[in-house]
Protein backbone atom coordinates (compact mmCIF):
# COMPACT_ATOMS: atom_id res chain seq x y z
CA ARG A 1 27.37 -18.13 5.47
CA ASP A 2 26.07 -21.64 4.95
CA VAL A 3 26.56 -23.93 7.93
CA CYS A 4 25.25 -27.00 6.16
CA VAL A 5 23.51 -27.89 2.95
CA ASP A 6 21.90 -31.32 2.87
CA TYR A 7 18.48 -32.71 2.00
CA GLY A 8 17.94 -29.36 0.28
CA ILE A 9 18.18 -27.54 3.64
CA ALA A 10 20.47 -24.57 4.21
CA PHE A 11 20.98 -22.32 7.23
CA ARG A 12 21.91 -18.74 6.48
CA SER A 13 23.17 -16.94 9.55
CA ARG A 14 22.50 -13.49 8.09
CA SER A 15 18.73 -13.87 7.79
CA ILE A 16 18.54 -16.66 10.42
CA PRO A 17 16.12 -18.96 8.61
CA TRP A 18 16.44 -22.55 7.53
CA LYS A 19 15.54 -22.54 3.85
CA LEU A 20 14.87 -25.24 1.36
CA ASP A 21 17.15 -25.04 -1.63
CA ARG A 22 14.92 -24.07 -4.55
CA ARG A 23 16.70 -26.63 -6.77
CA SER A 24 15.18 -29.40 -4.68
CA ARG A 25 11.54 -30.29 -4.31
CA SER A 26 9.46 -27.64 -2.62
CA ALA A 27 8.95 -28.04 1.11
CA ARG A 28 5.24 -27.85 0.46
CA ALA A 29 5.54 -31.15 -1.38
CA TYR A 30 6.50 -32.55 2.04
CA GLY A 31 3.80 -30.57 3.86
CA VAL A 32 6.28 -28.17 5.53
CA LYS A 33 6.81 -24.42 5.25
CA ASP A 34 9.44 -23.25 2.75
CA GLU A 35 11.20 -21.26 5.47
CA ILE A 36 11.60 -22.07 9.15
CA GLN A 37 12.63 -19.17 11.37
CA LEU A 38 14.89 -19.65 14.40
CA THR A 39 12.28 -18.41 16.85
CA ASP A 40 12.23 -19.05 20.58
CA GLU A 41 9.46 -21.59 19.95
CA PHE A 42 11.56 -23.52 17.41
CA LEU A 43 14.53 -23.54 19.80
CA GLU A 44 12.28 -24.69 22.65
CA PHE A 45 11.05 -27.57 20.47
CA LEU A 46 14.66 -28.46 19.54
CA GLY A 47 15.71 -28.50 23.20
CA TRP A 48 12.86 -30.82 24.14
CA PHE A 49 13.53 -33.01 21.09
CA ILE A 50 17.19 -33.40 22.05
CA ALA A 51 16.05 -34.52 25.51
CA GLU A 52 12.99 -36.63 24.72
CA GLY A 53 12.81 -37.16 20.97
CA HIS A 54 13.51 -39.99 18.58
CA TYR A 55 12.55 -41.17 15.10
CA ALA A 56 10.49 -44.10 13.84
CA GLY A 57 10.76 -44.12 10.05
CA SER A 58 9.45 -40.75 8.95
CA ALA A 59 7.65 -40.22 12.28
CA VAL A 60 9.01 -37.80 14.86
CA ARG A 61 8.28 -38.84 18.46
CA LEU A 62 8.73 -37.22 21.86
CA ASN A 63 7.97 -39.04 25.11
CA PHE A 64 6.79 -37.39 28.32
CA ALA A 65 5.83 -38.33 31.84
CA MET A 66 2.08 -38.52 32.44
CA HIS A 67 2.10 -35.24 34.39
CA GLU A 68 3.70 -33.38 31.42
CA ARG A 69 0.60 -33.27 29.20
CA HIS A 70 0.73 -29.46 29.18
CA VAL A 71 4.26 -29.65 27.71
CA ALA A 72 3.16 -32.11 25.01
CA GLU A 73 0.20 -29.87 24.12
CA ARG A 74 2.42 -26.79 23.90
CA LEU A 75 4.95 -28.60 21.68
CA ALA A 76 2.14 -29.89 19.44
CA MET A 77 1.05 -26.28 18.96
CA ILE A 78 4.67 -25.25 18.23
CA VAL A 79 5.00 -28.04 15.62
CA ARG A 80 1.99 -26.67 13.74
CA ASP A 81 3.13 -23.04 14.06
CA VAL A 82 6.78 -23.63 13.14
CA PHE A 83 6.66 -26.40 10.54
CA SER A 84 3.16 -26.42 9.02
CA LYS A 85 -0.51 -26.11 9.87
CA ASP A 86 -0.95 -29.23 7.69
CA LEU A 87 0.91 -31.41 10.20
CA SER A 88 -1.34 -33.08 12.73
CA PRO A 89 0.65 -34.04 15.83
CA LYS A 90 -1.11 -36.58 18.04
CA ILE A 91 -0.78 -37.00 21.79
CA PHE A 92 -1.60 -40.40 23.25
CA GLU A 93 -0.78 -42.67 26.16
CA THR A 94 1.66 -45.53 25.62
CA ASN A 95 3.20 -48.34 27.65
CA GLY A 96 6.95 -48.84 27.67
CA ASN A 97 9.60 -50.42 29.84
CA GLY A 98 9.34 -47.36 32.09
CA GLY A 99 5.58 -47.73 32.56
CA ARG A 100 2.84 -45.48 31.21
CA SER A 101 3.86 -42.31 29.44
CA LEU A 102 2.60 -39.75 26.95
CA ARG A 103 3.81 -39.61 23.37
CA LEU A 104 3.67 -36.70 20.94
CA GLU A 105 3.99 -37.99 17.38
CA PHE A 106 3.73 -36.60 13.88
CA GLY A 107 4.84 -37.79 10.46
CA SER A 108 7.08 -35.73 8.19
CA ILE A 109 10.09 -37.09 6.33
CA LEU A 110 11.45 -33.57 5.83
CA VAL A 111 11.16 -32.57 9.51
CA SER A 112 12.69 -35.92 10.48
CA ARG A 113 15.66 -35.32 8.19
CA LEU A 114 16.01 -31.72 9.33
CA LEU A 115 16.09 -32.78 12.99
CA GLU A 116 18.56 -35.57 12.25
CA LYS A 117 20.87 -33.07 10.52
CA LEU A 118 20.51 -30.53 13.32
CA VAL A 119 20.75 -32.71 16.44
CA GLY A 120 21.72 -36.25 15.39
CA ARG A 121 20.09 -39.66 15.66
CA GLY A 122 20.16 -41.96 18.67
CA SER A 123 20.76 -40.99 22.29
CA ARG A 124 24.53 -41.64 22.08
CA ASN A 125 24.83 -39.41 19.00
CA LYS A 126 22.65 -36.46 20.00
CA HIS A 127 24.21 -33.00 19.92
CA LEU A 128 23.27 -29.34 19.90
CA PRO A 129 22.59 -27.77 16.48
CA PRO A 130 25.76 -26.64 14.65
CA PHE A 131 24.86 -22.96 15.01
CA PHE A 132 24.41 -22.98 18.82
CA THR A 133 27.53 -20.89 19.51
CA ALA A 134 26.28 -18.20 17.09
CA LEU A 135 22.99 -17.73 18.96
CA ARG A 136 22.41 -14.70 21.16
CA VAL A 137 22.55 -15.63 24.85
CA GLN A 138 18.78 -15.23 25.30
CA LYS A 139 18.07 -17.67 22.44
CA LEU A 140 20.77 -20.11 23.56
CA ARG A 141 19.23 -20.11 27.04
CA VAL A 142 15.82 -21.07 25.56
CA LEU A 143 17.41 -24.06 23.79
CA VAL A 144 19.45 -25.26 26.77
CA ASP A 145 16.72 -24.67 29.36
CA ALA A 146 14.24 -26.70 27.29
CA HIS A 147 16.71 -29.59 27.22
CA PHE A 148 17.24 -29.34 30.97
CA LYS A 149 13.48 -29.41 31.59
CA GLY A 150 13.31 -32.66 29.65
CA ASP A 151 16.43 -34.50 30.80
CA ALA A 152 17.58 -32.48 33.81
CA GLY A 153 21.02 -32.22 32.24
CA ALA A 154 21.49 -35.99 31.86
CA THR A 155 22.92 -37.51 28.69
CA ILE A 156 24.92 -40.51 27.51
CA SER A 157 26.23 -38.55 24.52
CA ARG A 158 29.72 -37.24 25.26
CA ARG A 159 29.45 -34.73 22.43
CA LEU A 160 26.16 -33.37 23.80
CA ALA A 161 27.64 -33.22 27.30
CA ARG A 162 30.57 -31.12 26.05
CA GLU A 163 28.30 -28.85 24.04
CA LEU A 164 25.89 -28.36 26.96
CA TYR A 165 28.86 -27.50 29.15
CA LEU A 166 30.02 -24.85 26.64
CA ALA A 167 26.46 -23.57 26.16
CA ARG A 168 26.02 -23.16 29.92
CA LEU A 169 29.31 -21.26 30.10
CA LEU A 170 28.14 -18.98 27.25
CA CYS A 171 24.92 -18.38 29.23
CA GLY A 172 26.94 -17.29 32.27
CA SER A 173 26.55 -20.46 34.38
CA LYS A 174 29.26 -22.41 36.19
CA PRO A 175 28.45 -25.99 35.16
CA LYS A 176 29.97 -29.18 36.52
CA PHE A 177 29.65 -32.78 35.35
CA LYS A 178 28.71 -35.71 37.53
CA LEU A 179 29.11 -39.24 36.14
CA THR A 180 26.63 -41.87 37.28
CA HIS A 181 27.35 -45.55 37.80
CA ARG A 182 25.53 -46.25 34.49
CA GLY A 183 27.87 -43.99 32.54
CA GLU A 184 25.39 -41.15 32.15
CA CYS A 185 26.69 -37.66 32.52
CA HIS A 186 24.72 -35.16 34.57
CA LEU A 187 25.44 -31.48 34.04
CA ILE A 188 24.80 -29.47 37.19
CA ASP A 189 25.14 -25.71 37.59
CA GLU A 190 27.29 -24.38 40.44
CA VAL A 191 27.46 -27.67 42.35
CA LYS A 192 30.65 -29.38 43.51
CA THR A 193 31.07 -32.85 42.03
CA GLN A 194 33.47 -35.73 42.61
CA ARG A 195 34.38 -36.42 38.97
CA SER A 196 34.09 -34.30 35.88
CA TRP A 197 35.03 -34.54 32.23
CA VAL A 198 34.60 -32.53 29.08
């Protein structure tokens, strides 16, 4: 069944790929594979993107702490394997309001639109992909664990917080929410908290 059709992108749960609708321009015209499989690597990338990613025009960016270069390098490899060998993700140091950090960046309007459709735009609007409840537990765990490695379960998106809570339940965890003084929500497994919301 089709979960969504937009930007020429369709997810078919039977064969589990994201396909470009053949009526639209070919993905190759955008430098991306015609079919993107829902592999563990793709789900790992999605989890990290939900935690650390954002858009700048057609550029896709993920920020990392300086000690996470190995993560940035692995995700750069995944980008080339999953989306296209023609993409050339770059890793470089940058200065921000949080000090020095690493940035993984690559340009692709199609990947940018795909990610926006799958997981939203802006930290307050981020969410899990629409098919997350249909994933096998092992694959769902890859997605959720990657997010937790990036953000340690913290989010300011109420929708994402609710979906992470449900995803953790589906994975067999006993999650709890802890609200911070800044309004962030921290999802913690099997820990007693003072306040919780879903």
